[in-house]
């Protein structure tokens, strides 16, 4: 599931990206301990996408 969300965040259209970001947030809120194991996978992608000035 985390890989699917990562893919949508990286290459999805803007609405899909926003929904995927919402799901990542929700999972971290609800399953914090389990999601910590995925930080190394998600953080570089989140950082790259959220710091991209050309993105909406």
Protein backbone atom coordinates (compact mmCIF):
# COMPACT_ATOMS: atom_id res chain seq x y z
CA UNK A 1 0.00 0.00 0.00
CA UNK A 2 2.82 2.39 0.84
CA UNK A 3 4.44 1.72 -2.54
CA UNK A 4 1.17 2.52 -4.34
CA UNK A 5 0.84 5.78 -2.42
CA UNK A 6 4.47 6.61 -3.19
CA UNK A 7 3.87 6.00 -6.90
CA UNK A 8 0.78 8.22 -6.90
CA UNK A 9 2.65 10.98 -5.11
CA UNK A 10 5.53 10.78 -7.60
CA UNK A 11 3.72 10.50 -10.89
CA UNK A 12 0.03 10.90 -10.31
CA UNK A 13 -2.06 13.77 -11.58
CA UNK A 14 -2.57 16.59 -9.11
CA UNK A 15 -5.92 15.32 -7.68
CA UNK A 16 -4.47 11.81 -7.24
CA UNK A 17 -1.38 13.24 -5.61
CA UNK A 18 -3.46 15.24 -3.14
CA UNK A 19 -5.55 12.20 -2.24
CA UNK A 20 -2.42 10.07 -1.79
CA UNK A 21 -0.88 12.72 0.47
CA UNK A 22 -4.10 12.71 2.49
CA UNK A 23 -3.88 8.94 2.87
CA UNK A 24 -0.26 9.13 3.99
CA UNK A 25 -1.24 11.70 6.59
CA UNK A 26 -4.17 9.57 7.74
CA UNK A 27 -2.00 6.46 8.04
CA UNK A 28 0.60 8.33 10.08
CA UNK A 29 -2.14 9.66 12.34
CA UNK A 30 -3.83 6.28 12.87
CA UNK A 31 -0.95 3.81 12.57
CA UNK A 32 1.99 5.87 13.71
CA UNK A 33 4.11 3.01 15.05
CA UNK A 34 3.66 0.88 11.92
CA UNK A 35 4.28 3.79 9.55
CA UNK A 36 7.61 4.67 11.16
CA UNK A 37 9.04 1.65 9.34
CA UNK A 38 8.16 3.34 6.03
CA UNK A 39 9.70 6.74 6.68
CA UNK A 40 12.85 5.87 4.70
CA UNK A 41 10.70 4.99 1.69
CA UNK A 42 8.28 7.92 1.87
CA UNK A 43 10.34 10.86 3.13
CA UNK A 44 12.57 11.39 0.06
CA UNK A 45 9.52 11.30 -2.21
CA UNK A 46 7.50 13.62 0.01
CA UNK A 47 10.38 16.05 0.34
CA UNK A 48 11.02 16.14 -3.41
CA UNK A 49 7.36 16.63 -4.35
CA UNK A 50 6.52 19.15 -1.64
CA UNK A 51 9.60 21.28 -2.36
CA UNK A 52 9.09 21.38 -6.15
CA UNK A 53 8.38 25.04 -7.04
CA UNK A 54 6.95 24.10 -10.45
CA UNK A 55 4.21 22.00 -8.91
CA UNK A 56 0.83 23.39 -7.99
